Amino acid sequence: MTVNPKCKVALVGEAGCGKSSCMALLQRLYDPDHGSIRLDGVDLREYNVNALRSRVVIVDQKPVLFATSVRENITYGLQHDVSDTWTVPGVFLSMFLKVYGLGFRVWGLGFRV
């Protein structure tokens, strides 16, 4: 598969067709047994894994929330602190978050880390 620069891609298909496997390979959660996955012509194994993962956005059908604040869930994995006024590109904050804020704790709704 080839994706042109500045294009967005959605993987859609029946259960078990390989969507999650493709995303796991793209994030380097594991590497392919044969062949390679290339980004701008460079094998993903040559990229810094943290830098690579900071550029990949996944919107899963069944998102996982950790038993911590909304802010910590949104910013999990970032290498810097954020304030309440920091905006996350592409994140839509519902009226719920506007009322309760990013510090709202999702105990009981998520998993403990």
PDB file of N, CA and C in Angstrom:
ATOM      1  N   MET A   1       0.852  -1.163   0.000  1.00  0.00           N
ATOM      2  CA  MET A   1       0.000   0.000   0.000  1.00  0.00           C
ATOM      3  C   MET A   1       0.901   1.229   0.000  1.00  0.00           C
ATOM      4  N   THR A   2       0.544   2.213  -0.777  1.00  0.00           N
ATOM      5  CA  THR A   2       1.273   3.473  -0.817  1.00  0.00           C
ATOM      6  C   THR A   2       0.310   4.595  -0.464  1.00  0.00           C
ATOM      7  N   VAL A   3       0.731   5.476   0.433  1.00  0.00           N
ATOM      8  CA  VAL A   3      -0.073   6.617   0.835  1.00  0.00           C
ATOM      9  C   VAL A   3       0.691   7.869   0.432  1.00  0.00           C
ATOM     10  N   ASN A   4       0.035   8.738  -0.311  1.00  0.00           N
ATOM     11  CA  ASN A   4       0.665   9.980  -0.752  1.00  0.00           C
ATOM     12  C   ASN A   4       0.827  10.961   0.404  1.00  0.00           C
ATOM     13  N   PRO A   5       1.843  11.838   0.328  1.00  0.00           N
ATOM     14  CA  PRO A   5       2.057  12.831   1.392  1.00  0.00           C
ATOM     15  C   PRO A   5       0.808  13.672   1.654  1.00  0.00           C
ATOM     16  N   LYS A   6       0.604  14.006   2.932  1.00  0.00           N
ATOM     17  CA  LYS A   6      -0.487  14.850   3.410  1.00  0.00           C
ATOM     18  C   LYS A   6      -1.871  14.220   3.241  1.00  0.00           C
ATOM     19  N   CYS A   7      -1.920  12.927   2.968  1.00  0.00           N
ATOM     20  CA  CYS A   7      -3.195  12.221   2.853  1.00  0.00           C
ATOM     21  C   CYS A   7      -3.490  11.514   4.176  1.00  0.00           C
ATOM     22  N   LYS A   8      -4.767  11.381   4.456  1.00  0.00           N
ATOM     23  CA  LYS A   8      -5.203  10.632   5.640  1.00  0.00           C
ATOM     24  C   LYS A   8      -5.752   9.303   5.177  1.00  0.00           C
ATOM     25  N   VAL A   9      -5.546   8.293   6.014  1.00  0.00           N
ATOM     26  CA  VAL A   9      -5.963   6.937   5.663  1.00  0.00           C
ATOM     27  C   VAL A   9      -6.828   6.378   6.768  1.00  0.00           C
ATOM     28  N   ALA A  10      -7.903   5.716   6.392  1.00  0.00           N
ATOM     29  CA  ALA A  10      -8.738   4.992   7.351  1.00  0.00           C
ATOM     30  C   ALA A  10      -8.722   3.524   6.953  1.00  0.00           C
ATOM     31  N   LEU A  11      -8.476   2.668   7.923  1.00  0.00           N
ATOM     32  CA  LEU A  11      -8.537   1.227   7.680  1.00  0.00           C
ATOM     33  C   LEU A  11      -9.902   0.742   8.140  1.00  0.00           C
ATOM     34  N   VAL A  12     -10.677   0.216   7.219  1.00  0.00           N
ATOM     35  CA  VAL A  12     -12.036  -0.211   7.508  1.00  0.00           C
ATOM     36  C   VAL A  12     -12.213  -1.620   6.953  1.00  0.00           C
ATOM     37  N   GLY A  13     -12.879  -2.478   7.717  1.00  0.00           N
ATOM     38  CA  GLY A  13     -13.115  -3.825   7.216  1.00  0.00           C
ATOM     39  C   GLY A  13     -13.736  -4.711   8.271  1.00  0.00           C
ATOM     40  N   GLU A  14     -14.009  -5.921   7.858  1.00  0.00           N
ATOM     41  CA  GLU A  14     -14.606  -6.916   8.740  1.00  0.00           C
ATOM     42  C   GLU A  14     -13.673  -7.240   9.902  1.00  0.00           C
ATOM     43  N   ALA A  15     -14.251  -7.744  10.989  1.00  0.00           N
ATOM     44  CA  ALA A  15     -13.455  -8.196  12.130  1.00  0.00           C
ATOM     45  C   ALA A  15     -12.489  -9.276  11.669  1.00  0.00           C
ATOM     46  N   GLY A  16     -11.231  -9.168  12.084  1.00  0.00           N
ATOM     47  CA  GLY A  16     -10.239 -10.186  11.762  1.00  0.00           C
ATOM     48  C   GLY A  16      -9.528 -10.002  10.440  1.00  0.00           C
ATOM     49  N   CYS A  17      -9.776  -8.891   9.736  1.00  0.00           N
ATOM     50  CA  CYS A  17      -9.154  -8.718   8.414  1.00  0.00           C
ATOM     51  C   CYS A  17      -7.751  -8.120   8.482  1.00  0.00           C
ATOM     52  N   GLY A  18      -7.297  -7.675   9.688  1.00  0.00           N
ATOM     53  CA  GLY A  18      -5.925  -7.208   9.814  1.00  0.00           C
ATOM     54  C   GLY A  18      -5.746  -5.728  10.093  1.00  0.00           C
ATOM     55  N   LYS A  19      -6.834  -5.006  10.392  1.00  0.00           N
ATOM     56  CA  LYS A  19      -6.718  -3.566  10.676  1.00  0.00           C
ATOM     57  C   LYS A  19      -5.825  -3.314  11.883  1.00  0.00           C
ATOM     58  N   SER A  20      -6.082  -3.994  12.973  1.00  0.00           N
ATOM     59  CA  SER A  20      -5.285  -3.813  14.195  1.00  0.00           C
ATOM     60  C   SER A  20      -3.848  -4.265  13.987  1.00  0.00           C
ATOM     61  N   SER A  21      -3.649  -5.316  13.232  1.00  0.00           N
ATOM     62  CA  SER A  21      -2.289  -5.788  12.938  1.00  0.00           C
ATOM     63  C   SER A  21      -1.520  -4.744  12.138  1.00  0.00           C
ATOM     64  N   CYS A  22      -2.167  -4.121  11.178  1.00  0.00           N
ATOM     65  CA  CYS A  22      -1.518  -3.054  10.397  1.00  0.00           C
ATOM     66  C   CYS A  22      -1.100  -1.901  11.297  1.00  0.00           C
ATOM     67  N   MET A  23      -1.970  -1.499  12.202  1.00  0.00           N
ATOM     68  CA  MET A  23      -1.654  -0.389  13.094  1.00  0.00           C
ATOM     69  C   MET A  23      -0.552  -0.771  14.077  1.00  0.00           C
ATOM     70  N   ALA A  24      -0.563  -2.001  14.554  1.00  0.00           N
ATOM     71  CA  ALA A  24       0.493  -2.456  15.461  1.00  0.00           C
ATOM     72  C   ALA A  24       1.840  -2.461  14.747  1.00  0.00           C
ATOM     73  N   LEU A  25       1.857  -2.865  13.494  1.00  0.00           N
ATOM     74  CA  LEU A  25       3.092  -2.839  12.711  1.00  0.00           C
ATOM     75  C   LEU A  25       3.555  -1.405  12.469  1.00  0.00           C
ATOM     76  N   LEU A  26       2.630  -0.511  12.176  1.00  0.00           N
ATOM     77  CA  LEU A  26       2.970   0.887  11.931  1.00  0.00           C
ATOM     78  C   LEU A  26       3.554   1.543  13.176  1.00  0.00           C
ATOM     79  N   GLN A  27       3.072   1.145  14.348  1.00  0.00           N
ATOM     80  CA  GLN A  27       3.587   1.692  15.615  1.00  0.00           C
ATOM     81  C   GLN A  27       4.822   0.957  16.112  1.00  0.00           C
ATOM     82  N   ARG A  28       5.223  -0.086  15.427  1.00  0.00           N
ATOM     83  CA  ARG A  28       6.343  -0.937  15.815  1.00  0.00           C
ATOM     84  C   ARG A  28       6.108  -1.623  17.148  1.00  0.00           C
ATOM     85  N   LEU A  29       4.859  -2.011  17.401  1.00  0.00           N
ATOM     86  CA  LEU A  29       4.600  -2.846  18.574  1.00  0.00           C
ATOM     87  C   LEU A  29       5.219  -4.219  18.333  1.00  0.00           C
ATOM     88  N   TYR A  30       5.344  -4.571  17.065  1.00  0.00           N
ATOM     89  CA  TYR A  30       6.158  -5.712  16.642  1.00  0.00           C
ATOM     90  C   TYR A  30       6.585  -5.448  15.206  1.00  0.00           C
ATOM     91  N   ASP A  31       7.607  -6.142  14.764  1.00  0.00           N
ATOM     92  CA  ASP A  31       8.143  -5.959  13.419  1.00  0.00           C
ATOM     93  C   ASP A  31       7.711  -7.108  12.529  1.00  0.00           C
ATOM     94  N   PRO A  32       7.637  -6.877  11.219  1.00  0.00           N
ATOM     95  CA  PRO A  32       7.236  -7.958  10.303  1.00  0.00           C
ATOM     96  C   PRO A  32       8.275  -9.076  10.274  1.00  0.00           C
ATOM     97  N   ASP A  33       7.810 -10.307  10.102  1.00  0.00           N
ATOM     98  CA  ASP A  33       8.715 -11.451   9.988  1.00  0.00           C
ATOM     99  C   ASP A  33       9.491 -11.402   8.669  1.00  0.00           C
ATOM    100  N   HIS A  34       8.835 -10.887   7.635  1.00  0.00           N
ATOM    101  CA  HIS A  34       9.446 -10.813   6.302  1.00  0.00           C
ATOM    102  C   HIS A  34       9.147  -9.439   5.719  1.00  0.00           C
ATOM    103  N   GLY A  35      10.065  -8.931   4.922  1.00  0.00           N
ATOM    104  CA  GLY A  35       9.857  -7.651   4.258  1.00  0.00           C
ATOM    105  C   GLY A  35      10.042  -6.482   5.212  1.00  0.00           C
ATOM    106  N   SER A  36       9.499  -5.330   4.820  1.00  0.00           N
ATOM    107  CA  SER A  36       9.651  -4.133   5.642  1.00  0.00           C
ATOM    108  C   SER A  36       8.474  -3.195   5.433  1.00  0.00           C
ATOM    109  N   ILE A  37       8.323  -2.303   6.384  1.00  0.00           N
ATOM    110  CA  ILE A  37       7.345  -1.221   6.275  1.00  0.00           C
ATOM    111  C   ILE A  37       8.173   0.044   6.190  1.00  0.00           C
ATOM    112  N   ARG A  38       7.899   0.858   5.177  1.00  0.00           N
ATOM    113  CA  ARG A  38       8.715   2.047   4.932  1.00  0.00           C
ATOM    114  C   ARG A  38       7.888   3.312   5.053  1.00  0.00           C
ATOM    115  N   LEU A  39       8.515   4.313   5.642  1.00  0.00           N
ATOM    116  CA  LEU A  39       7.922   5.637   5.766  1.00  0.00           C
ATOM    117  C   LEU A  39       8.888   6.595   5.091  1.00  0.00           C
ATOM    118  N   ASP A  40       8.416   7.276   4.050  1.00  0.00           N
ATOM    119  CA  ASP A  40       9.296   8.134   3.235  1.00  0.00           C
ATOM    120  C   ASP A  40      10.509   7.365   2.730  1.00  0.00           C
ATOM    121  N   GLY A  41      10.303   6.095   2.394  1.00  0.00           N
ATOM    122  CA  GLY A  41      11.373   5.273   1.840  1.00  0.00           C
ATOM    123  C   GLY A  41      12.333   4.692   2.862  1.00  0.00           C
ATOM    124  N   VAL A  42      12.117   4.987   4.154  1.00  0.00           N
ATOM    125  CA  VAL A  42      13.015   4.516   5.216  1.00  0.00           C
ATOM    126  C   VAL A  42      12.314   3.419   6.012  1.00  0.00           C
ATOM    127  N   ASP A  43      13.014   2.314   6.221  1.00  0.00           N
ATOM    128  CA  ASP A  43      12.478   1.206   7.022  1.00  0.00           C
ATOM    129  C   ASP A  43      12.137   1.719   8.422  1.00  0.00           C
ATOM    130  N   LEU A  44      10.942   1.378   8.913  1.00  0.00           N
ATOM    131  CA  LEU A  44      10.514   1.844  10.234  1.00  0.00           C
ATOM    132  C   LEU A  44      11.481   1.457  11.339  1.00  0.00           C
ATOM    133  N   ARG A  45      12.215   0.361  11.165  1.00  0.00           N
ATOM    134  CA  ARG A  45      13.172  -0.080  12.181  1.00  0.00           C
ATOM    135  C   ARG A  45      14.322   0.910  12.366  1.00  0.00           C
ATOM    136  N   GLU A  46      14.484   1.835  11.404  1.00  0.00           N
ATOM    137  CA  GLU A  46      15.550   2.837  11.509  1.00  0.00           C
ATOM    138  C   GLU A  46      15.090   4.092  12.254  1.00  0.00           C
ATOM    139  N   TYR A  47      13.788   4.234  12.490  1.00  0.00           N
ATOM    140  CA  TYR A  47      13.259   5.400  13.206  1.00  0.00           C
ATOM    141  C   TYR A  47      13.353   5.198  14.714  1.00  0.00           C
ATOM    142  N   ASN A  48      13.494   6.285  15.455  1.00  0.00           N
ATOM    143  CA  ASN A  48      13.371   6.252  16.907  1.00  0.00           C
ATOM    144  C   ASN A  48      11.922   5.896  17.218  1.00  0.00           C
ATOM    145  N   VAL A  49      11.694   4.828  17.962  1.00  0.00           N
ATOM    146  CA  VAL A  49      10.340   4.328  18.190  1.00  0.00           C
ATOM    147  C   VAL A  49       9.456   5.358  18.901  1.00  0.00           C
ATOM    148  N   ASN A  50      10.008   6.126  19.856  1.00  0.00           N
ATOM    149  CA  ASN A  50       9.203   7.144  20.543  1.00  0.00           C
ATOM    150  C   ASN A  50       8.813   8.270  19.602  1.00  0.00           C
ATOM    151  N   ALA A  51       9.733   8.700  18.755  1.00  0.00           N
ATOM    152  CA  ALA A  51       9.432   9.750  17.781  1.00  0.00           C
ATOM    153  C   ALA A  51       8.373   9.262  16.792  1.00  0.00           C
ATOM    154  N   LEU A  52       8.505   8.023  16.365  1.00  0.00           N
ATOM    155  CA  LEU A  52       7.544   7.447  15.429  1.00  0.00           C
ATOM    156  C   LEU A  52       6.148   7.402  16.048  1.00  0.00           C
ATOM    157  N   ARG A  53       6.053   6.888  17.266  1.00  0.00           N
ATOM    158  CA  ARG A  53       4.752   6.751  17.920  1.00  0.00           C
ATOM    159  C   ARG A  53       4.117   8.099  18.245  1.00  0.00           C
ATOM    160  N   SER A  54       4.931   9.141  18.406  1.00  0.00           N
ATOM    161  CA  SER A  54       4.375  10.469  18.692  1.00  0.00           C
ATOM    162  C   SER A  54       3.706  11.070  17.461  1.00  0.00           C
ATOM    163  N   ARG A  55       3.930  10.477  16.289  1.00  0.00           N
ATOM    164  CA  ARG A  55       3.366  10.990  15.035  1.00  0.00           C
ATOM    165  C   ARG A  55       2.185  10.168  14.515  1.00  0.00           C
ATOM    166  N   VAL A  56       1.868   9.072  15.195  1.00  0.00           N
ATOM    167  CA  VAL A  56       0.786   8.192  14.747  1.00  0.00           C
ATOM    168  C   VAL A  56      -0.426   8.400  15.639  1.00  0.00           C
ATOM    169  N   VAL A  57      -1.586   8.601  15.030  1.00  0.00           N
ATOM    170  CA  VAL A  57      -2.826   8.776  15.778  1.00  0.00           C
ATOM    171  C   VAL A  57      -3.740   7.599  15.470  1.00  0.00           C
ATOM    172  N   ILE A  58      -4.223   6.972  16.526  1.00  0.00           N
ATOM    173  CA  ILE A  58      -5.128   5.837  16.361  1.00  0.00           C
ATOM    174  C   ILE A  58      -6.423   6.148  17.094  1.00  0.00           C
ATOM    175  N   VAL A  59      -7.530   6.012  16.397  1.00  0.00           N
ATOM    176  CA  VAL A  59      -8.844   6.156  17.012  1.00  0.00           C
ATOM    177  C   VAL A  59      -9.482   4.774  16.963  1.00  0.00           C
ATOM    178  N   ASP A  60      -9.411   4.087  18.084  1.00  0.00           N
ATOM    179  CA  ASP A  60      -9.897   2.717  18.159  1.00  0.00           C
ATOM    180  C   ASP A  60     -11.405   2.699  18.367  1.00  0.00           C
ATOM    181  N   GLN A  61     -12.021   1.614  17.953  1.00  0.00           N
ATOM    182  CA  GLN A  61     -13.458   1.450  18.132  1.00  0.00           C
ATOM    183  C   GLN A  61     -13.813   1.322  19.611  1.00  0.00           C
ATOM    184  N   LYS A  62     -12.920   0.736  20.386  1.00  0.00           N
ATOM    185  CA  LYS A  62     -13.140   0.551  21.819  1.00  0.00           C
ATOM    186  C   LYS A  62     -11.967   1.187  22.563  1.00  0.00           C
ATOM    187  N   PRO A  63     -12.006   2.498  22.763  1.00  0.00           N
ATOM    188  CA  PRO A  63     -10.864   3.154  23.410  1.00  0.00           C
ATOM    189  C   PRO A  63     -10.692   2.706  24.855  1.00  0.00           C
ATOM    190  N   VAL A  64      -9.455   2.748  25.318  1.00  0.00           N
ATOM    191  CA  VAL A  64      -9.120   2.406  26.693  1.00  0.00           C
ATOM    192  C   VAL A  64      -8.832   3.690  27.442  1.00  0.00           C
ATOM    193  N   LEU A  65      -9.467   3.850  28.594  1.00  0.00           N
ATOM    194  CA  LEU A  65      -9.167   4.976  29.477  1.00  0.00           C
ATOM    195  C   LEU A  65      -8.449   4.429  30.691  1.00  0.00           C
ATOM    196  N   PHE A  66      -7.364   5.092  31.068  1.00  0.00           N
ATOM    197  CA  PHE A  66      -6.661   4.707  32.282  1.00  0.00           C
ATOM    198  C   PHE A  66      -7.332   5.388  33.465  1.00  0.00           C
ATOM    199  N   ALA A  67      -7.283   4.771  34.621  1.00  0.00           N
ATOM    200  CA  ALA A  67      -7.927   5.298  35.828  1.00  0.00           C
ATOM    201  C   ALA A  67      -7.107   6.450  36.385  1.00  0.00           C
ATOM    202  N   THR A  68      -7.164   7.559  35.697  1.00  0.00           N
ATOM    203  CA  THR A  68      -6.441   8.776  36.051  1.00  0.00           C
ATOM    204  C   THR A  68      -7.208   9.960  35.472  1.00  0.00           C
ATOM    205  N   SER A  69      -6.618  11.124  35.376  1.00  0.00           N
ATOM    206  CA  SER A  69      -7.355  12.292  34.884  1.00  0.00           C
ATOM    207  C   SER A  69      -7.533  12.243  33.368  1.00  0.00           C
ATOM    208  N   VAL A  70      -8.486  13.025  32.895  1.00  0.00           N
ATOM    209  CA  VAL A  70      -8.702  13.141  31.459  1.00  0.00           C
ATOM    210  C   VAL A  70      -7.425  13.686  30.807  1.00  0.00           C
ATOM    211  N   ARG A  71      -6.801  14.699  31.456  1.00  0.00           N
ATOM    212  CA  ARG A  71      -5.562  15.267  30.920  1.00  0.00           C
ATOM    213  C   ARG A  71      -4.509  14.178  30.737  1.00  0.00           C
ATOM    214  N   GLU A  72      -4.331  13.337  31.759  1.00  0.00           N
ATOM    215  CA  GLU A  72      -3.310  12.297  31.682  1.00  0.00           C
ATOM    216  C   GLU A  72      -3.634  11.252  30.616  1.00  0.00           C
ATOM    217  N   ASN A  73      -4.921  10.980  30.395  1.00  0.00           N
ATOM    218  CA  ASN A  73      -5.302  10.066  29.328  1.00  0.00           C
ATOM    219  C   ASN A  73      -4.978  10.649  27.957  1.00  0.00           C
ATOM    220  N   ILE A  74      -5.289  11.930  27.750  1.00  0.00           N
ATOM    221  CA  ILE A  74      -5.051  12.569  26.457  1.00  0.00           C
ATOM    222  C   ILE A  74      -3.558  12.732  26.196  1.00  0.00           C
ATOM    223  N   THR A  75      -2.797  13.061  27.229  1.00  0.00           N
ATOM    224  CA  THR A  75      -1.382  13.375  27.041  1.00  0.00           C
ATOM    225  C   THR A  75      -0.457  12.202  27.358  1.00  0.00           C
ATOM    226  N   TYR A  76      -1.001  11.023  27.586  1.00  0.00           N
ATOM    227  CA  TYR A  76      -0.193   9.850  27.906  1.00  0.00           C
ATOM    228  C   TYR A  76       0.902   9.665  26.855  1.00  0.00           C
ATOM    229  N   GLY A  77       2.115   9.554  27.287  1.00  0.00           N
ATOM    230  CA  GLY A  77       3.227   9.330  26.372  1.00  0.00           C
ATOM    231  C   GLY A  77       3.938  10.592  25.922  1.00  0.00           C
ATOM    232  N   LEU A  78       3.366  11.764  26.190  1.00  0.00           N
ATOM    233  CA  LEU A  78       4.063  12.997  25.817  1.00  0.00           C
ATOM    234  C   LEU A  78       5.293  13.174  26.696  1.00  0.00           C
ATOM    235  N   GLN A  79       6.274  13.823  26.179  1.00  0.00           N
ATOM    236  CA  GLN A  79       7.522  14.022  26.906  1.00  0.00           C
ATOM    237  C   GLN A  79       7.594  15.383  27.594  1.00  0.00           C
ATOM    238  N   HIS A  80       6.445  16.084  27.720  1.00  0.00           N
ATOM    239  CA  HIS A  80       6.446  17.401  28.351  1.00  0.00           C
ATOM    240  C   HIS A  80       5.139  17.610  29.112  1.00  0.00           C
ATOM    241  N   ASP A  81       5.155  18.526  30.074  1.00  0.00           N
ATOM    242  CA  ASP A  81       3.963  18.848  30.846  1.00  0.00           C
ATOM    243  C   ASP A  81       3.043  19.740  30.025  1.00  0.00           C
ATOM    244  N   VAL A  82       1.753  19.701  30.343  1.00  0.00           N
ATOM    245  CA  VAL A  82       0.792  20.560  29.652  1.00  0.00           C
ATOM    246  C   VAL A  82      -0.082  21.261  30.684  1.00  0.00           C
ATOM    247  N   SER A  83      -0.600  22.428  30.311  1.00  0.00           N
ATOM    248  CA  SER A  83      -1.480  23.183  31.201  1.00  0.00           C
ATOM    249  C   SER A  83      -2.928  22.981  30.780  1.00  0.00           C
ATOM    250  N   ASP A  84      -3.865  23.479  31.576  1.00  0.00           N
ATOM    251  CA  ASP A  84      -5.284  23.368  31.240  1.00  0.00           C
ATOM    252  C   ASP A  84      -5.619  24.112  29.956  1.00  0.00           C
ATOM    253  N   THR A  85      -4.805  25.103  29.591  1.00  0.00           N
ATOM    254  CA  THR A  85      -5.095  25.884  28.386  1.00  0.00           C
ATOM    255  C   THR A  85      -4.477  25.282  27.139  1.00  0.00           C
ATOM    256  N   TRP A  86      -3.648  24.243  27.317  1.00  0.00           N
ATOM    257  CA  TRP A  86      -3.026  23.578  26.171  1.00  0.00           C
ATOM    258  C   TRP A  86      -4.088  22.861  25.366  1.00  0.00           C
ATOM    259  N   THR A  87      -4.065  22.999  24.063  1.00  0.00           N
ATOM    260  CA  THR A  87      -5.046  22.306  23.232  1.00  0.00           C
ATOM    261  C   THR A  87      -4.375  21.139  22.521  1.00  0.00           C
ATOM    262  N   VAL A  88      -5.114  20.078  22.387  1.00  0.00           N
ATOM    263  CA  VAL A  88      -4.631  18.890  21.713  1.00  0.00           C
ATOM    264  C   VAL A  88      -5.161  18.930  20.286  1.00  0.00           C
ATOM    265  N   PRO A  89      -4.295  19.007  19.277  1.00  0.00           N
ATOM    266  CA  PRO A  89      -4.774  19.045  17.898  1.00  0.00           C
ATOM    267  C   PRO A  89      -5.660  17.836  17.600  1.00  0.00           C
ATOM    268  N   GLY A  90      -6.830  18.087  17.065  1.00  0.00           N
ATOM    269  CA  GLY A  90      -7.723  17.004  16.669  1.00  0.00           C
ATOM    270  C   GLY A  90      -8.585  16.439  17.772  1.00  0.00           C
ATOM    271  N   VAL A  91      -8.454  16.939  19.006  1.00  0.00           N
ATOM    272  CA  VAL A  91      -9.265  16.423  20.108  1.00  0.00           C
ATOM    273  C   VAL A  91     -10.454  17.339  20.318  1.00  0.00           C
ATOM    274  N   PHE A  92     -11.646  16.785  20.237  1.00  0.00           N
ATOM    275  CA  PHE A  92     -12.872  17.543  20.474  1.00  0.00           C
ATOM    276  C   PHE A  92     -13.245  17.396  21.937  1.00  0.00           C
ATOM    277  N   LEU A  93     -13.328  18.528  22.639  1.00  0.00           N
ATOM    278  CA  LEU A  93     -13.706  18.489  24.047  1.00  0.00           C
ATOM    279  C   LEU A  93     -15.214  18.683  24.156  1.00  0.00           C
ATOM    280  N   SER A  94     -15.892  17.697  24.685  1.00  0.00           N
ATOM    281  CA  SER A  94     -17.346  17.755  24.817  1.00  0.00           C
ATOM    282  C   SER A  94     -17.749  18.729  25.914  1.00  0.00           C
ATOM    283  N   MET A  95     -19.043  19.008  26.010  1.00  0.00           N
ATOM    284  CA  MET A  95     -19.566  19.888  27.051  1.00  0.00           C
ATOM    285  C   MET A  95     -19.203  19.341  28.433  1.00  0.00           C
ATOM    286  N   PHE A  96     -19.149  18.026  28.565  1.00  0.00           N
ATOM    287  CA  PHE A  96     -18.766  17.396  29.824  1.00  0.00           C
ATOM    288  C   PHE A  96     -17.403  17.906  30.282  1.00  0.00           C
ATOM    289  N   LEU A  97     -16.422  17.884  29.373  1.00  0.00           N
ATOM    290  CA  LEU A  97     -15.086  18.335  29.733  1.00  0.00           C
ATOM    291  C   LEU A  97     -15.034  19.836  29.954  1.00  0.00           C
ATOM    292  N   LYS A  98     -15.858  20.580  29.228  1.00  0.00           N
ATOM    293  CA  LYS A  98     -15.883  22.025  29.436  1.00  0.00           C
ATOM    294  C   LYS A  98     -16.391  22.351  30.838  1.00  0.00           C
ATOM    295  N   VAL A  99     -17.295  21.521  31.364  1.00  0.00           N
ATOM    296  CA  VAL A  99     -17.841  21.745  32.704  1.00  0.00           C
ATOM    297  C   VAL A  99     -16.878  21.222  33.766  1.00  0.00           C
ATOM    298  N   TYR A 100     -16.363  20.000  33.601  1.00  0.00           N
ATOM    299  CA  TYR A 100     -15.570  19.349  34.637  1.00  0.00           C
ATOM    300  C   TYR A 100     -14.059  19.555  34.484  1.00  0.00           C
ATOM    301  N   GLY A 101     -13.594  19.875  33.291  1.00  0.00           N
ATOM    302  CA  GLY A 101     -12.173  20.161  33.078  1.00  0.00           C
ATOM    303  C   GLY A 101     -11.326  18.933  32.833  1.00  0.00           C
ATOM    304  N   LEU A 102     -10.092  19.187  32.413  1.00  0.00           N
ATOM    305  CA  LEU A 102      -9.157  18.111  32.092  1.00  0.00           C
ATOM    306  C   LEU A 102      -8.682  17.352  33.327  1.00  0.00           C
ATOM    307  N   GLY A 103      -8.883  17.949  34.510  1.00  0.00           N
ATOM    308  CA  GLY A 103      -8.453  17.292  35.738  1.00  0.00           C
ATOM    309  C   GLY A 103      -9.439  16.256  36.250  1.00  0.00           C
ATOM    310  N   PHE A 104     -10.619  16.157  35.622  1.00  0.00           N
ATOM    311  CA  PHE A 104     -11.623  15.190  36.055  1.00  0.00           C
ATOM    312  C   PHE A 104     -11.035  13.788  36.023  1.00  0.00           C
ATOM    313  N   ARG A 105     -11.221  13.043  37.115  1.00  0.00           N
ATOM    314  CA  ARG A 105     -10.655  11.696  37.210  1.00  0.00           C
ATOM    315  C   ARG A 105     -11.671  10.672  36.713  1.00  0.00           C
ATOM    316  N   VAL A 106     -11.201   9.721  35.953  1.00  0.00           N
ATOM    317  CA  VAL A 106     -12.072   8.715  35.354  1.00  0.00           C
ATOM    318  C   VAL A 106     -12.029   7.397  36.114  1.00  0.00           C
ATOM    319  N   TRP A 107     -11.891   7.464  37.456  1.00  0.00           N
ATOM    320  CA  TRP A 107     -11.903   6.254  38.280  1.00  0.00           C
ATOM    321  C   TRP A 107     -13.162   5.454  37.980  1.00  0.00           C
ATOM    322  N   GLY A 108     -13.005   4.182  37.880  1.00  0.00           N
ATOM    323  CA  GLY A 108     -14.156   3.322  37.630  1.00  0.00           C
ATOM    324  C   GLY A 108     -14.503   3.211  36.152  1.00  0.00           C
ATOM    325  N   LEU A 109     -14.033   4.148  35.351  1.00  0.00           N
ATOM    326  CA  LEU A 109     -14.299   4.110  33.917  1.00  0.00           C
ATOM    327  C   LEU A 109     -13.119   3.503  33.151  1.00  0.00           C
ATOM    328  N   GLY A 110     -11.977   3.406  33.821  1.00  0.00           N
ATOM    329  CA  GLY A 110     -10.775   2.975  33.112  1.00  0.00           C
ATOM    330  C   GLY A 110     -10.026   1.899  33.841  1.00  0.00           C
ATOM    331  N   PHE A 111      -8.829   1.661  33.362  1.00  0.00           N
ATOM    332  CA  PHE A 111      -7.934   0.659  33.917  1.00  0.00           C
ATOM    333  C   PHE A 111      -6.839   1.358  34.706  1.00  0.00           C
ATOM    334  N   ARG A 112      -6.400   0.766  35.778  1.00  0.00           N
ATOM    335  CA  ARG A 112      -5.274   1.334  36.525  1.00  0.00           C
ATOM    336  C   ARG A 112      -3.969   0.963  35.828  1.00  0.00           C
ATOM    337  N   VAL A 113      -3.040   1.936  35.776  1.00  0.00           N
ATOM    338  CA  VAL A 113      -1.754   1.691  35.132  1.00  0.00           C
ATOM    339  C   VAL A 113      -0.784   1.161  36.159  1.00  0.00           C
TER     340      VAL A 113
END
